[in-house]
N, C-alpha and C. Protein backbone atom coordinates (compact mmCIF):
# COMPACT_ATOMS: atom_id res chain seq x y z
N MET A 1 -2.41 -1.89 -18.11
CA MET A 1 -1.00 -1.50 -18.19
C MET A 1 -0.13 -2.75 -18.07
N LYS A 2 0.86 -2.85 -18.92
CA LYS A 2 1.78 -3.99 -18.92
C LYS A 2 3.18 -3.47 -18.62
N ILE A 3 3.80 -3.98 -17.55
CA ILE A 3 5.14 -3.56 -17.18
C ILE A 3 6.15 -4.44 -17.93
N LYS A 4 6.95 -3.82 -18.79
CA LYS A 4 7.95 -4.58 -19.55
C LYS A 4 9.18 -4.87 -18.71
N GLN A 5 9.59 -3.89 -17.92
CA GLN A 5 10.78 -4.06 -17.09
C GLN A 5 10.55 -3.47 -15.71
N ALA A 6 10.67 -4.31 -14.70
CA ALA A 6 10.56 -3.86 -13.31
C ALA A 6 11.86 -4.19 -12.62
N LYS A 7 12.49 -3.17 -12.06
CA LYS A 7 13.84 -3.35 -11.51
C LYS A 7 13.90 -2.84 -10.07
N PHE A 8 14.48 -3.67 -9.20
CA PHE A 8 14.70 -3.29 -7.81
C PHE A 8 15.86 -2.30 -7.73
N LEU A 9 15.57 -1.11 -7.18
CA LEU A 9 16.60 -0.07 -7.11
C LEU A 9 17.39 -0.11 -5.81
N GLY A 10 16.74 -0.55 -4.72
CA GLY A 10 17.46 -0.62 -3.46
C GLY A 10 16.54 -0.47 -2.26
N SER A 11 17.14 -0.67 -1.09
CA SER A 11 16.42 -0.54 0.19
C SER A 11 17.09 0.53 1.03
N TRP A 12 16.26 1.28 1.74
CA TRP A 12 16.78 2.35 2.59
C TRP A 12 16.10 2.31 3.95
N GLU A 13 16.88 2.56 4.99
CA GLU A 13 16.33 2.59 6.35
C GLU A 13 15.87 4.00 6.72
N LYS A 14 16.40 4.98 6.01
CA LYS A 14 16.02 6.37 6.27
C LYS A 14 15.47 7.00 5.00
N SER A 15 14.30 7.60 5.10
CA SER A 15 13.67 8.23 3.94
C SER A 15 14.56 9.29 3.32
N VAL A 16 15.28 10.00 4.18
CA VAL A 16 16.11 11.12 3.70
C VAL A 16 17.24 10.63 2.80
N ASP A 17 17.59 9.34 2.90
CA ASP A 17 18.70 8.81 2.11
C ASP A 17 18.29 8.32 0.72
N ILE A 18 16.98 8.22 0.46
CA ILE A 18 16.54 7.72 -0.85
C ILE A 18 16.91 8.73 -1.93
N PRO A 19 17.57 8.27 -3.00
CA PRO A 19 17.91 9.20 -4.10
C PRO A 19 16.64 9.84 -4.68
N HIS A 20 16.75 11.11 -4.97
CA HIS A 20 15.60 11.81 -5.55
C HIS A 20 15.68 11.82 -7.07
N ASN A 21 14.54 11.64 -7.69
CA ASN A 21 14.42 11.88 -9.13
C ASN A 21 13.01 12.38 -9.40
N LYS A 22 12.71 12.64 -10.63
CA LYS A 22 11.41 13.25 -10.96
C LYS A 22 10.36 12.23 -11.38
N LEU A 23 10.71 10.95 -11.37
CA LEU A 23 9.72 9.94 -11.76
C LEU A 23 8.58 9.90 -10.74
N PRO A 24 7.33 9.82 -11.21
CA PRO A 24 6.21 9.66 -10.28
C PRO A 24 6.40 8.41 -9.43
N GLU A 25 6.04 8.52 -8.15
CA GLU A 25 6.21 7.38 -7.25
C GLU A 25 4.86 7.02 -6.62
N PHE A 26 4.62 5.72 -6.53
CA PHE A 26 3.38 5.21 -5.95
C PHE A 26 3.75 4.26 -4.82
N ALA A 27 3.29 4.57 -3.61
CA ALA A 27 3.70 3.79 -2.43
C ALA A 27 2.58 2.87 -1.98
N PHE A 28 2.98 1.74 -1.40
CA PHE A 28 2.05 0.74 -0.89
C PHE A 28 2.34 0.50 0.58
N ILE A 29 1.29 0.50 1.40
CA ILE A 29 1.45 0.30 2.84
C ILE A 29 0.22 -0.41 3.40
N GLY A 30 0.39 -1.01 4.55
CA GLY A 30 -0.72 -1.68 5.23
C GLY A 30 -0.20 -2.37 6.47
N ARG A 31 -1.10 -2.95 7.24
CA ARG A 31 -0.67 -3.72 8.39
C ARG A 31 0.21 -4.88 7.94
N SER A 32 1.06 -5.34 8.83
CA SER A 32 1.92 -6.48 8.52
C SER A 32 1.09 -7.68 8.09
N ASN A 33 1.54 -8.35 7.04
CA ASN A 33 0.90 -9.57 6.51
C ASN A 33 -0.43 -9.30 5.81
N VAL A 34 -0.63 -8.07 5.33
CA VAL A 34 -1.87 -7.74 4.63
C VAL A 34 -1.84 -8.19 3.16
N GLY A 35 -0.64 -8.57 2.69
CA GLY A 35 -0.52 -9.04 1.30
C GLY A 35 0.08 -8.00 0.37
N LYS A 36 0.88 -7.11 0.94
CA LYS A 36 1.44 -5.99 0.17
C LYS A 36 2.40 -6.46 -0.93
N SER A 37 3.37 -7.27 -0.54
CA SER A 37 4.35 -7.75 -1.52
C SER A 37 3.70 -8.61 -2.59
N SER A 38 2.75 -9.44 -2.19
CA SER A 38 2.03 -10.27 -3.16
C SER A 38 1.27 -9.41 -4.17
N LEU A 39 0.69 -8.33 -3.69
CA LEU A 39 -0.05 -7.43 -4.58
C LEU A 39 0.89 -6.77 -5.59
N ILE A 40 2.05 -6.30 -5.11
CA ILE A 40 3.03 -5.66 -6.00
C ILE A 40 3.49 -6.66 -7.06
N ASN A 41 3.74 -7.89 -6.65
CA ASN A 41 4.15 -8.92 -7.62
C ASN A 41 3.05 -9.21 -8.62
N MET A 42 1.80 -9.24 -8.17
CA MET A 42 0.67 -9.46 -9.08
C MET A 42 0.55 -8.33 -10.09
N LEU A 43 0.67 -7.11 -9.61
CA LEU A 43 0.52 -5.94 -10.48
C LEU A 43 1.60 -5.90 -11.56
N THR A 44 2.82 -6.25 -11.16
CA THR A 44 3.95 -6.17 -12.10
C THR A 44 4.17 -7.47 -12.88
N GLU A 45 3.37 -8.49 -12.52
CA GLU A 45 3.48 -9.82 -13.15
C GLU A 45 4.89 -10.39 -12.97
N ARG A 46 5.42 -10.20 -11.75
CA ARG A 46 6.71 -10.78 -11.37
C ARG A 46 6.49 -11.63 -10.13
N LYS A 47 7.08 -12.82 -10.10
CA LYS A 47 6.83 -13.72 -8.98
C LYS A 47 7.53 -13.29 -7.70
N ASP A 48 8.71 -12.68 -7.83
CA ASP A 48 9.48 -12.37 -6.63
C ASP A 48 10.14 -11.00 -6.69
N LEU A 49 9.47 -10.05 -7.32
CA LEU A 49 10.02 -8.68 -7.33
C LEU A 49 10.06 -8.15 -5.90
N ALA A 50 8.91 -8.21 -5.24
CA ALA A 50 8.86 -7.86 -3.82
C ALA A 50 8.89 -9.16 -3.03
N LYS A 51 9.74 -9.23 -2.03
CA LYS A 51 9.91 -10.47 -1.28
C LYS A 51 8.72 -10.72 -0.37
N THR A 52 8.12 -11.89 -0.52
CA THR A 52 6.96 -12.26 0.30
C THR A 52 7.39 -13.21 1.41
N SER A 53 6.57 -13.25 2.46
CA SER A 53 6.84 -14.15 3.57
C SER A 53 5.54 -14.44 4.30
N SER A 54 5.44 -15.66 4.84
CA SER A 54 4.26 -16.00 5.65
C SER A 54 4.36 -15.36 7.03
N LYS A 55 5.56 -14.92 7.39
CA LYS A 55 5.76 -14.28 8.68
C LYS A 55 5.56 -12.77 8.55
N PRO A 56 4.75 -12.16 9.43
CA PRO A 56 4.57 -10.70 9.39
C PRO A 56 5.89 -9.98 9.64
N GLY A 57 5.97 -8.75 9.15
CA GLY A 57 7.13 -7.91 9.44
C GLY A 57 8.32 -8.14 8.54
N LYS A 58 8.11 -8.78 7.38
CA LYS A 58 9.22 -9.08 6.47
C LYS A 58 9.86 -7.79 5.94
N THR A 59 9.01 -6.84 5.51
CA THR A 59 9.52 -5.58 4.96
C THR A 59 9.87 -4.63 6.10
N GLN A 60 11.14 -4.31 6.24
CA GLN A 60 11.56 -3.43 7.33
C GLN A 60 12.35 -2.22 6.81
N THR A 61 12.36 -2.05 5.50
CA THR A 61 13.03 -0.90 4.89
C THR A 61 12.10 -0.31 3.82
N LEU A 62 12.50 0.83 3.30
CA LEU A 62 11.80 1.43 2.17
C LEU A 62 12.40 0.83 0.90
N ASN A 63 11.63 0.06 0.17
CA ASN A 63 12.12 -0.63 -1.02
C ASN A 63 11.55 0.03 -2.28
N ILE A 64 12.44 0.43 -3.17
CA ILE A 64 12.02 1.16 -4.38
C ILE A 64 12.22 0.30 -5.62
N PHE A 65 11.22 0.30 -6.50
CA PHE A 65 11.28 -0.44 -7.76
C PHE A 65 11.01 0.53 -8.92
N ASN A 66 11.82 0.42 -9.96
CA ASN A 66 11.63 1.24 -11.17
C ASN A 66 10.83 0.43 -12.18
N CYS A 67 9.80 1.03 -12.73
CA CYS A 67 8.94 0.37 -13.72
C CYS A 67 9.06 1.08 -15.06
N ASP A 68 9.74 0.43 -16.00
CA ASP A 68 9.87 0.93 -17.38
C ASP A 68 10.44 2.34 -17.45
N ASN A 69 11.21 2.74 -16.44
CA ASN A 69 11.77 4.11 -16.39
C ASN A 69 10.69 5.18 -16.55
N THR A 70 9.45 4.79 -16.16
CA THR A 70 8.30 5.70 -16.30
C THR A 70 7.78 6.14 -14.94
N PHE A 71 7.79 5.22 -13.98
CA PHE A 71 7.35 5.55 -12.62
C PHE A 71 8.02 4.57 -11.65
N GLN A 72 7.87 4.85 -10.36
CA GLN A 72 8.47 3.99 -9.34
C GLN A 72 7.42 3.52 -8.35
N ILE A 73 7.69 2.36 -7.76
CA ILE A 73 6.87 1.81 -6.68
C ILE A 73 7.71 1.81 -5.41
N CYS A 74 7.12 2.24 -4.31
CA CYS A 74 7.79 2.15 -3.01
C CYS A 74 7.00 1.19 -2.13
N ASP A 75 7.67 0.13 -1.69
CA ASP A 75 7.10 -0.85 -0.77
C ASP A 75 7.51 -0.43 0.64
N LEU A 76 6.53 0.08 1.39
CA LEU A 76 6.80 0.60 2.73
C LEU A 76 6.66 -0.51 3.78
N PRO A 77 7.35 -0.39 4.92
CA PRO A 77 7.20 -1.38 5.99
C PRO A 77 5.74 -1.43 6.48
N GLY A 78 5.30 -2.62 6.87
CA GLY A 78 3.97 -2.74 7.45
C GLY A 78 3.92 -2.08 8.82
N TYR A 79 2.74 -1.63 9.20
CA TYR A 79 2.60 -1.04 10.54
C TYR A 79 1.81 -2.01 11.44
N GLY A 80 1.95 -1.81 12.74
CA GLY A 80 1.15 -2.58 13.68
C GLY A 80 1.67 -3.96 14.01
N TYR A 81 2.92 -4.24 13.68
CA TYR A 81 3.47 -5.57 13.99
C TYR A 81 3.99 -5.58 15.42
N ALA A 82 3.31 -6.30 16.29
CA ALA A 82 3.59 -6.22 17.73
C ALA A 82 4.88 -6.92 18.14
N LYS A 83 5.39 -7.85 17.33
CA LYS A 83 6.52 -8.67 17.75
C LYS A 83 7.88 -8.03 17.50
N VAL A 84 7.90 -6.79 17.07
CA VAL A 84 9.17 -6.07 17.03
C VAL A 84 9.21 -5.14 18.25
N SER A 85 10.39 -4.72 18.61
CA SER A 85 10.54 -3.89 19.80
C SER A 85 9.86 -2.53 19.63
N LYS A 86 9.54 -1.91 20.77
CA LYS A 86 8.94 -0.57 20.73
C LYS A 86 9.85 0.40 19.98
N GLU A 87 11.14 0.21 20.18
CA GLU A 87 12.12 1.08 19.52
C GLU A 87 12.02 0.95 17.99
N LYS A 88 11.89 -0.31 17.51
CA LYS A 88 11.78 -0.52 16.07
C LYS A 88 10.46 0.00 15.53
N ARG A 89 9.38 -0.19 16.30
CA ARG A 89 8.07 0.31 15.85
C ARG A 89 8.11 1.83 15.72
N PHE A 90 8.75 2.49 16.68
CA PHE A 90 8.90 3.94 16.63
C PHE A 90 9.73 4.34 15.42
N LYS A 91 10.80 3.58 15.16
CA LYS A 91 11.66 3.86 14.02
C LYS A 91 10.88 3.74 12.71
N PHE A 92 10.08 2.65 12.58
CA PHE A 92 9.27 2.46 11.37
C PHE A 92 8.29 3.61 11.20
N ALA A 93 7.60 3.97 12.30
CA ALA A 93 6.58 5.03 12.23
C ALA A 93 7.20 6.35 11.82
N THR A 94 8.38 6.65 12.37
CA THR A 94 9.08 7.89 12.02
C THR A 94 9.50 7.88 10.56
N MET A 95 10.03 6.74 10.12
CA MET A 95 10.47 6.58 8.73
C MET A 95 9.30 6.79 7.76
N ILE A 96 8.17 6.16 8.06
CA ILE A 96 7.00 6.23 7.18
C ILE A 96 6.44 7.65 7.15
N LYS A 97 6.32 8.25 8.33
CA LYS A 97 5.76 9.60 8.41
C LYS A 97 6.63 10.60 7.64
N TYR A 98 7.94 10.49 7.81
CA TYR A 98 8.85 11.40 7.10
C TYR A 98 8.71 11.21 5.59
N TYR A 99 8.67 9.96 5.15
CA TYR A 99 8.54 9.67 3.72
C TYR A 99 7.26 10.29 3.17
N LEU A 100 6.14 10.04 3.83
CA LEU A 100 4.84 10.50 3.32
C LEU A 100 4.75 12.02 3.28
N ARG A 101 5.37 12.69 4.24
CA ARG A 101 5.26 14.14 4.31
C ARG A 101 6.29 14.86 3.45
N ASN A 102 7.37 14.18 3.09
CA ASN A 102 8.48 14.88 2.42
C ASN A 102 8.84 14.37 1.04
N ARG A 103 8.30 13.24 0.63
CA ARG A 103 8.67 12.68 -0.68
C ARG A 103 7.95 13.49 -1.77
N GLU A 104 8.69 14.33 -2.46
CA GLU A 104 8.08 15.28 -3.38
C GLU A 104 7.46 14.61 -4.61
N ASN A 105 7.99 13.45 -5.01
CA ASN A 105 7.46 12.81 -6.21
C ASN A 105 6.45 11.71 -5.89
N LEU A 106 5.91 11.71 -4.64
CA LEU A 106 4.86 10.76 -4.28
C LEU A 106 3.53 11.21 -4.88
N TYR A 107 3.03 10.43 -5.82
CA TYR A 107 1.78 10.78 -6.49
C TYR A 107 0.56 10.20 -5.79
N CYS A 108 0.72 9.01 -5.20
CA CYS A 108 -0.43 8.38 -4.55
C CYS A 108 0.05 7.32 -3.57
N LEU A 109 -0.65 7.22 -2.45
CA LEU A 109 -0.39 6.17 -1.46
C LEU A 109 -1.53 5.16 -1.51
N PHE A 110 -1.20 3.91 -1.75
CA PHE A 110 -2.19 2.84 -1.71
C PHE A 110 -2.14 2.21 -0.31
N ILE A 111 -3.26 2.29 0.41
CA ILE A 111 -3.35 1.74 1.77
C ILE A 111 -4.13 0.43 1.71
N LEU A 112 -3.47 -0.66 2.07
CA LEU A 112 -4.07 -1.98 1.96
C LEU A 112 -4.79 -2.38 3.25
N ILE A 113 -5.98 -2.97 3.08
CA ILE A 113 -6.81 -3.41 4.20
C ILE A 113 -7.23 -4.86 3.95
N ASP A 114 -7.07 -5.70 4.95
CA ASP A 114 -7.44 -7.11 4.84
C ASP A 114 -8.96 -7.24 4.91
N LEU A 115 -9.57 -7.70 3.83
CA LEU A 115 -11.03 -7.79 3.76
C LEU A 115 -11.60 -8.93 4.60
N ARG A 116 -10.76 -9.81 5.10
CA ARG A 116 -11.26 -10.99 5.83
C ARG A 116 -11.64 -10.68 7.28
N ILE A 117 -11.20 -9.53 7.78
CA ILE A 117 -11.40 -9.24 9.20
C ILE A 117 -12.17 -7.93 9.39
N PRO A 118 -12.75 -7.74 10.58
CA PRO A 118 -13.48 -6.48 10.85
C PRO A 118 -12.56 -5.28 10.75
N PRO A 119 -13.13 -4.08 10.60
CA PRO A 119 -12.29 -2.87 10.54
C PRO A 119 -11.40 -2.77 11.78
N GLN A 120 -10.12 -2.50 11.54
CA GLN A 120 -9.15 -2.41 12.62
C GLN A 120 -8.87 -0.94 12.94
N SER A 121 -8.83 -0.62 14.22
CA SER A 121 -8.62 0.78 14.61
C SER A 121 -7.30 1.32 14.09
N ILE A 122 -6.28 0.46 14.01
CA ILE A 122 -4.98 0.92 13.54
C ILE A 122 -5.04 1.35 12.07
N ASP A 123 -5.85 0.65 11.27
CA ASP A 123 -6.04 1.05 9.87
C ASP A 123 -6.81 2.36 9.78
N LEU A 124 -7.90 2.46 10.54
CA LEU A 124 -8.73 3.65 10.50
C LEU A 124 -7.94 4.88 10.94
N GLU A 125 -7.14 4.72 12.00
CA GLU A 125 -6.34 5.85 12.50
C GLU A 125 -5.29 6.27 11.48
N PHE A 126 -4.67 5.28 10.83
CA PHE A 126 -3.65 5.61 9.83
C PHE A 126 -4.28 6.35 8.65
N ILE A 127 -5.42 5.87 8.19
CA ILE A 127 -6.13 6.52 7.07
C ILE A 127 -6.52 7.95 7.45
N ASN A 128 -7.02 8.12 8.68
CA ASN A 128 -7.42 9.46 9.13
C ASN A 128 -6.22 10.40 9.23
N ASP A 129 -5.09 9.86 9.71
CA ASP A 129 -3.87 10.69 9.79
C ASP A 129 -3.42 11.13 8.40
N CYS A 130 -3.49 10.22 7.43
CA CYS A 130 -3.10 10.57 6.06
C CYS A 130 -4.05 11.62 5.48
N GLY A 131 -5.33 11.49 5.83
CA GLY A 131 -6.30 12.49 5.39
C GLY A 131 -5.99 13.86 5.98
N ALA A 132 -5.63 13.87 7.25
CA ALA A 132 -5.29 15.15 7.92
C ALA A 132 -4.07 15.79 7.29
N ASP A 133 -3.14 14.94 6.81
CA ASP A 133 -1.93 15.45 6.16
C ASP A 133 -2.14 15.69 4.66
N GLN A 134 -3.37 15.46 4.19
CA GLN A 134 -3.75 15.68 2.78
C GLN A 134 -2.87 14.88 1.81
N ILE A 135 -2.58 13.64 2.19
CA ILE A 135 -1.81 12.76 1.32
C ILE A 135 -2.78 12.08 0.34
N PRO A 136 -2.53 12.18 -0.96
CA PRO A 136 -3.43 11.54 -1.92
C PRO A 136 -3.39 10.02 -1.74
N MET A 137 -4.56 9.42 -1.56
CA MET A 137 -4.57 7.99 -1.25
C MET A 137 -5.73 7.26 -1.91
N VAL A 138 -5.51 5.96 -2.07
CA VAL A 138 -6.54 5.05 -2.55
C VAL A 138 -6.49 3.84 -1.63
N LEU A 139 -7.65 3.36 -1.19
CA LEU A 139 -7.73 2.19 -0.33
C LEU A 139 -7.82 0.93 -1.18
N ILE A 140 -7.12 -0.12 -0.75
CA ILE A 140 -7.15 -1.39 -1.47
C ILE A 140 -7.54 -2.50 -0.50
N GLY A 141 -8.66 -3.14 -0.75
CA GLY A 141 -9.05 -4.30 0.03
C GLY A 141 -8.37 -5.53 -0.56
N THR A 142 -7.68 -6.31 0.28
CA THR A 142 -6.92 -7.46 -0.20
C THR A 142 -7.59 -8.79 0.16
N LYS A 143 -7.15 -9.85 -0.54
CA LYS A 143 -7.54 -11.23 -0.24
C LYS A 143 -9.02 -11.49 -0.46
N ALA A 144 -9.58 -10.83 -1.48
CA ALA A 144 -11.00 -10.99 -1.78
C ALA A 144 -11.36 -12.44 -2.13
N ASP A 145 -10.39 -13.17 -2.69
CA ASP A 145 -10.66 -14.56 -3.11
C ASP A 145 -10.89 -15.48 -1.91
N LYS A 146 -10.54 -15.04 -0.72
CA LYS A 146 -10.70 -15.87 0.48
C LYS A 146 -12.11 -15.81 1.04
N LEU A 147 -12.97 -14.99 0.45
CA LEU A 147 -14.31 -14.76 0.99
C LEU A 147 -15.41 -15.14 0.01
N LYS A 148 -16.53 -15.59 0.55
CA LYS A 148 -17.73 -15.76 -0.27
C LYS A 148 -18.28 -14.38 -0.60
N LYS A 149 -19.09 -14.30 -1.63
CA LYS A 149 -19.58 -13.01 -2.10
C LYS A 149 -20.30 -12.24 -0.99
N THR A 150 -21.17 -12.92 -0.24
CA THR A 150 -21.92 -12.23 0.82
C THR A 150 -20.99 -11.76 1.93
N GLU A 151 -19.98 -12.58 2.27
CA GLU A 151 -19.01 -12.19 3.29
C GLU A 151 -18.22 -10.97 2.84
N LEU A 152 -17.83 -10.97 1.58
CA LEU A 152 -17.07 -9.86 1.01
C LEU A 152 -17.88 -8.57 1.08
N GLU A 153 -19.15 -8.64 0.68
CA GLU A 153 -20.01 -7.45 0.69
C GLU A 153 -20.20 -6.93 2.11
N THR A 154 -20.42 -7.86 3.06
CA THR A 154 -20.64 -7.49 4.46
C THR A 154 -19.39 -6.82 5.05
N ASN A 155 -18.22 -7.44 4.81
CA ASN A 155 -16.97 -6.91 5.38
C ASN A 155 -16.59 -5.58 4.75
N TYR A 156 -16.80 -5.46 3.43
CA TYR A 156 -16.53 -4.20 2.74
C TYR A 156 -17.41 -3.09 3.33
N GLN A 157 -18.69 -3.39 3.51
CA GLN A 157 -19.62 -2.38 4.03
C GLN A 157 -19.26 -1.97 5.45
N ALA A 158 -18.76 -2.93 6.24
CA ALA A 158 -18.35 -2.62 7.62
C ALA A 158 -17.19 -1.63 7.62
N ILE A 159 -16.26 -1.79 6.68
CA ILE A 159 -15.12 -0.86 6.58
C ILE A 159 -15.62 0.52 6.14
N VAL A 160 -16.49 0.54 5.15
CA VAL A 160 -17.06 1.81 4.67
C VAL A 160 -17.80 2.53 5.80
N ASP A 161 -18.61 1.78 6.56
CA ASP A 161 -19.37 2.38 7.66
C ASP A 161 -18.44 2.94 8.73
N ALA A 162 -17.37 2.21 9.03
CA ALA A 162 -16.42 2.68 10.05
C ALA A 162 -15.73 3.97 9.59
N LEU A 163 -15.34 4.01 8.32
CA LEU A 163 -14.68 5.20 7.78
C LEU A 163 -15.64 6.39 7.72
N SER A 164 -16.89 6.11 7.44
CA SER A 164 -17.89 7.17 7.27
C SER A 164 -18.14 7.96 8.55
N GLN A 165 -17.71 7.41 9.68
CA GLN A 165 -17.85 8.16 10.93
C GLN A 165 -16.93 9.38 10.97
N ASP A 166 -15.84 9.32 10.17
CA ASP A 166 -14.89 10.44 10.15
C ASP A 166 -14.79 11.12 8.78
N TRP A 167 -15.31 10.48 7.75
CA TRP A 167 -15.20 11.01 6.39
C TRP A 167 -16.57 11.29 5.80
N GLU A 168 -16.73 12.48 5.24
CA GLU A 168 -17.97 12.76 4.50
C GLU A 168 -18.00 11.93 3.21
N GLU A 169 -16.85 11.82 2.59
CA GLU A 169 -16.70 11.00 1.39
C GLU A 169 -15.41 10.20 1.53
N ILE A 170 -15.53 8.88 1.58
CA ILE A 170 -14.32 8.08 1.81
C ILE A 170 -13.45 8.06 0.55
N PRO A 171 -12.14 7.82 0.72
CA PRO A 171 -11.25 7.74 -0.44
C PRO A 171 -11.68 6.61 -1.39
N PRO A 172 -11.24 6.65 -2.64
CA PRO A 172 -11.53 5.56 -3.57
C PRO A 172 -11.12 4.22 -2.97
N PHE A 173 -11.89 3.18 -3.25
CA PHE A 173 -11.67 1.86 -2.64
C PHE A 173 -11.70 0.80 -3.74
N ILE A 174 -10.60 0.05 -3.87
CA ILE A 174 -10.50 -1.01 -4.89
C ILE A 174 -10.40 -2.36 -4.20
N ILE A 175 -11.21 -3.30 -4.62
CA ILE A 175 -11.16 -4.66 -4.08
C ILE A 175 -10.25 -5.51 -4.95
N THR A 176 -9.29 -6.22 -4.31
CA THR A 176 -8.29 -6.95 -5.09
C THR A 176 -8.09 -8.38 -4.58
N SER A 177 -7.46 -9.17 -5.43
CA SER A 177 -6.97 -10.49 -5.05
C SER A 177 -5.68 -10.74 -5.80
N SER A 178 -4.61 -11.01 -5.07
CA SER A 178 -3.34 -11.32 -5.71
C SER A 178 -3.37 -12.69 -6.38
N GLU A 179 -4.29 -13.54 -5.94
CA GLU A 179 -4.41 -14.89 -6.49
C GLU A 179 -5.10 -14.87 -7.85
N THR A 180 -6.17 -14.10 -7.97
CA THR A 180 -6.97 -14.11 -9.20
C THR A 180 -6.68 -12.94 -10.13
N GLY A 181 -6.00 -11.90 -9.60
CA GLY A 181 -5.74 -10.71 -10.42
C GLY A 181 -6.85 -9.68 -10.35
N GLN A 182 -7.87 -9.95 -9.53
CA GLN A 182 -8.96 -8.98 -9.39
C GLN A 182 -8.44 -7.63 -8.94
N GLY A 183 -8.93 -6.57 -9.57
CA GLY A 183 -8.57 -5.21 -9.18
C GLY A 183 -7.32 -4.68 -9.86
N LYS A 184 -6.61 -5.54 -10.58
CA LYS A 184 -5.35 -5.12 -11.21
C LYS A 184 -5.56 -3.93 -12.15
N ASP A 185 -6.53 -4.03 -13.04
CA ASP A 185 -6.77 -2.95 -14.00
C ASP A 185 -7.16 -1.66 -13.30
N GLU A 186 -7.95 -1.77 -12.24
CA GLU A 186 -8.40 -0.58 -11.51
C GLU A 186 -7.22 0.14 -10.85
N VAL A 187 -6.28 -0.63 -10.29
CA VAL A 187 -5.10 -0.01 -9.68
C VAL A 187 -4.28 0.70 -10.75
N TRP A 188 -4.04 0.04 -11.88
CA TRP A 188 -3.26 0.67 -12.94
C TRP A 188 -3.98 1.89 -13.52
N ASP A 189 -5.31 1.87 -13.52
CA ASP A 189 -6.06 3.04 -13.98
C ASP A 189 -5.77 4.25 -13.09
N VAL A 190 -5.66 4.01 -11.78
CA VAL A 190 -5.32 5.10 -10.84
C VAL A 190 -3.94 5.65 -11.17
N VAL A 191 -2.99 4.75 -11.42
CA VAL A 191 -1.62 5.16 -11.74
C VAL A 191 -1.60 5.99 -13.02
N LYS A 192 -2.26 5.48 -14.05
CA LYS A 192 -2.27 6.20 -15.34
C LYS A 192 -2.94 7.57 -15.21
N LYS A 193 -4.04 7.61 -14.49
CA LYS A 193 -4.75 8.88 -14.31
C LYS A 193 -3.90 9.89 -13.54
N ALA A 194 -3.20 9.41 -12.50
CA ALA A 194 -2.35 10.28 -11.69
C ALA A 194 -1.21 10.87 -12.52
N MET A 195 -0.74 10.09 -13.51
CA MET A 195 0.35 10.56 -14.37
C MET A 195 -0.17 11.35 -15.56
N GLY A 196 -1.48 11.48 -15.67
CA GLY A 196 -2.07 12.27 -16.74
C GLY A 196 -2.22 11.52 -18.03
N ASN A 197 -2.24 10.17 -17.95
CA ASN A 197 -2.39 9.35 -19.18
C ASN A 197 -3.85 8.94 -19.38
């Protein structure tokens, strides 16, 4: 899939305030600094569509992007960032939960997981909560280019094993790299399939 025009529509602090339309929406979420904005930029082939930062916690609002007037991308705030206040963490969690449960045109949630580190309980709990709420999701392993092949296989299997303790069949899992473009076609295949293309 080639995006001809990707346009930033706006940022919202409250899910209820986001304008509604009928375009399919695909949301991206993960722990802070997992590479979410970099992945969105790689997918859309735009260098700075989603604002990236070396500091965790950059995304603190719901950011919506229109792609070719065909579908939308929602860049959700990262979860698990300890350096914001408890009040802000609660606000983010409430915002995300409301969005996921009430956004009628949400077709799929992409949950990003850093492949360089062992399975994190915060990721596993978030995935399990989404499963309990029956939110359609696909898992995305990020930063694959930072690992040797054997390390990548070992870390991927550790995540699968951890998820398998709660899932009979884990959600689809795509391995990606924003640096090399790995996984780009697979992500767009999910989008096209969800839209019936």
